[in-house]
Each structure stands twice: as structure tokens, then as C-alpha cells.
Amino acid sequence: MAAGLLADRYDALVPDKPERYVTDRAGVFGPGQAEALNAKLEQFERDTSNQVLVWVDQKLPEGFTLEDFTVRAAQKWGAGQKKLDNGAILFVFIGDRKARIEVGYGLEGALPALSRGRLSRRDRQGG
């Protein structure tokens, strides 16, 4: 029971699904860049029905591992169409030098595990 309460507490710390495709809480995008990427991702979803979100923040929320935060956020946000599970979310934490992509089952063929693995290995190597 205590584990369930702890899980609920952490779930409550995960932000609500962003209203836009690109969320830049670290200020890495220049003027107009986030808007341009947002427009491209919006058009991509119209063209393909696949939804890609980008979440950039300075640091992971306190108490979370990279995997725990990204999996919880992906589950809470439900990117893509529910029936197709065709969403992907790129998470980047600038100050922590960490990044991860969460991919719905419906997109796994379109975004090969090899590409995701390369990102993860590079992340573990610190650069």
C-alpha cells in the first residue's frame, strides 16, 4: 500500500499534457524556432496522424530517474491517437545532459530501436 501511495505522489508531480507540440522550459530555442517547429509537428500530425511532442527542460524533477519521469509522462500524456498508439515524445534535460525518446507501439517500426539506442548510449557517455 505504501508503494501505491508513493507512486500516486510521483504521478501527481508529472505535469499535465502540454497544449503545444514543443515545450521549451529551458529557453534553448531562439525567437521563432519553437513556433516554427511547433507548426511543422502540427502539419506532420495532420499529414500522418502521428503525433510527436518535444519537451525541453533544465533538469529532471527532483526524485525522478530519467526513465521513471519519461515513462510516467508518456503514460499520462498519451501522445498520438489512442487506438493507434502512434505518438512519440522527445525529452531533453539540458542541465542534466540527458535525453530520452518514448515511442508508442504504433510508431516503433517508423522509429527504429537502433536510433533510440544510439541516443541512450550517447546520453550515458555524457555527450
Protein backbone atom coordinates (compact mmCIF):
# COMPACT_ATOMS: atom_id res chain seq x y z
CA MET A 1 0.00 0.00 0.00
CA ALA A 2 2.84 2.41 0.80
CA ALA A 3 4.33 1.81 -2.68
CA GLY A 4 0.98 2.73 -4.24
CA LEU A 5 0.82 5.98 -2.29
CA LEU A 6 4.37 6.83 -3.31
CA ALA A 7 3.55 6.09 -6.97
CA ASP A 8 0.47 8.33 -6.76
CA ARG A 9 2.60 11.11 -5.27
CA TYR A 10 5.10 10.90 -8.12
CA ASP A 11 2.33 10.73 -10.73
CA ALA A 12 0.93 13.96 -9.30
CA LEU A 13 4.32 15.64 -9.88
CA VAL A 14 4.27 14.88 -13.61
CA PRO A 15 2.96 17.95 -15.48
CA ASP A 16 -0.27 17.82 -17.44
CA LYS A 17 -0.04 17.14 -21.17
CA PRO A 18 1.36 20.19 -22.93
CA GLU A 19 -1.06 22.19 -25.05
CA ARG A 20 1.57 22.61 -27.77
CA TYR A 21 3.86 20.21 -29.59
CA VAL A 22 7.01 21.97 -28.35
CA THR A 23 7.56 22.89 -24.71
CA ASP A 24 10.82 24.73 -24.02
CA ARG A 25 11.15 25.30 -20.30
CA ALA A 26 14.94 25.71 -20.61
CA GLY A 27 14.93 28.52 -23.17
CA VAL A 28 17.08 26.70 -25.73
CA PHE A 29 15.11 27.71 -28.81
CA GLY A 30 15.70 31.14 -30.30
CA PRO A 31 12.96 33.58 -31.25
CA GLY A 32 10.56 31.88 -33.62
CA GLN A 33 12.32 28.49 -33.56
CA ALA A 34 9.88 26.82 -31.17
CA GLU A 35 6.95 28.26 -33.14
CA ALA A 36 8.40 27.01 -36.44
CA LEU A 37 8.99 23.51 -35.04
CA ASN A 38 5.54 23.53 -33.47
CA ALA A 39 4.00 24.36 -36.87
CA LYS A 40 5.97 21.56 -38.56
CA LEU A 41 4.93 19.00 -35.96
CA GLU A 42 1.32 20.14 -36.22
CA GLN A 43 1.43 19.69 -40.01
CA PHE A 44 3.16 16.32 -39.58
CA GLU A 45 0.28 15.14 -37.40
CA ARG A 46 -2.28 16.36 -39.96
CA ASP A 47 -0.41 14.55 -42.76
CA THR A 48 0.30 11.27 -40.96
CA SER A 49 -1.93 11.14 -37.84
CA ASN A 50 1.30 10.51 -35.87
CA GLN A 51 1.96 12.92 -33.01
CA VAL A 52 5.44 13.96 -31.90
CA LEU A 53 5.96 16.11 -28.83
CA VAL A 54 9.18 17.79 -27.69
CA TRP A 55 9.77 18.55 -24.01
CA VAL A 56 12.92 20.53 -23.13
CA ASP A 57 13.63 21.38 -19.51
CA GLN A 58 16.65 22.43 -17.49
CA LYS A 59 16.63 19.46 -15.07
CA LEU A 60 14.69 16.35 -14.24
CA PRO A 61 12.17 16.92 -11.47
CA GLU A 62 13.66 16.06 -8.09
CA GLY A 63 13.24 12.45 -7.06
CA PHE A 64 12.82 11.08 -10.60
CA THR A 65 15.16 9.00 -12.69
CA LEU A 66 15.16 9.75 -16.41
CA GLU A 67 13.28 6.57 -17.24
CA ASP A 68 10.74 6.97 -14.45
CA PHE A 69 9.83 10.54 -15.40
CA THR A 70 9.63 9.94 -19.14
CA VAL A 71 7.57 6.74 -18.85
CA ARG A 72 5.15 8.34 -16.37
CA ALA A 73 4.81 11.47 -18.53
CA ALA A 74 4.26 9.42 -21.70
CA GLN A 75 1.57 7.37 -19.96
CA LYS A 76 -0.13 10.46 -18.53
CA TRP A 77 0.04 12.47 -21.75
CA GLY A 78 -0.98 9.72 -24.17
CA ALA A 79 0.65 11.23 -27.27
CA GLY A 80 -0.85 10.08 -30.56
CA GLN A 81 -4.20 8.52 -31.27
CA LYS A 82 -5.35 6.20 -28.53
CA LYS A 83 -6.40 3.35 -30.86
CA LEU A 84 -3.16 3.54 -32.86
CA ASP A 85 -0.73 4.37 -30.02
CA ASN A 86 1.18 6.40 -32.62
CA GLY A 87 2.85 9.05 -30.53
CA ALA A 88 6.44 9.84 -29.64
CA ILE A 89 7.89 12.25 -27.12
CA LEU A 90 11.45 13.57 -27.14
CA PHE A 91 12.55 14.59 -23.66
CA VAL A 92 15.72 16.69 -23.23
CA PHE A 93 17.10 17.87 -19.89
CA ILE A 94 19.85 20.36 -20.68
CA GLY A 95 21.40 20.82 -17.24
CA ASP A 96 21.43 17.08 -16.59
CA ARG A 97 22.75 16.30 -20.09
CA LYS A 98 20.10 13.63 -20.50
CA ALA A 99 17.66 12.82 -23.26
CA ARG A 100 15.20 10.03 -23.99
CA ILE A 101 12.56 9.22 -26.57
CA GLU A 102 9.35 7.45 -25.56
CA VAL A 103 7.62 5.80 -28.51
CA GLY A 104 4.14 4.30 -28.74
CA TYR A 105 3.86 0.76 -30.12
CA GLY A 106 2.23 2.10 -33.26
CA LEU A 107 5.37 4.05 -34.18
CA GLU A 108 8.08 1.57 -33.25
CA GLY A 109 8.56 0.47 -36.87
CA ALA A 110 8.85 4.10 -38.00
CA LEU A 111 11.41 4.96 -35.32
CA PRO A 112 13.78 2.00 -35.13
CA ALA A 113 15.11 0.89 -31.77
CA LEU A 114 18.62 1.33 -33.17
CA SER A 115 18.17 5.11 -33.37
CA ARG A 116 16.74 5.27 -29.87
CA GLY A 117 19.58 3.06 -28.62
CA ARG A 118 22.20 5.37 -30.09
CA LEU A 119 20.67 8.32 -28.27
CA SER A 120 20.63 6.40 -25.00
CA ARG A 121 24.25 5.23 -25.33
CA ARG A 122 25.46 8.71 -26.16
CA ASP A 123 23.50 10.04 -23.19
CA ARG A 124 25.11 7.53 -20.82
CA GLN A 125 28.54 8.53 -22.10
CA GLY A 126 27.77 12.13 -21.16
CA GLY A 127 27.84 13.80 -24.50
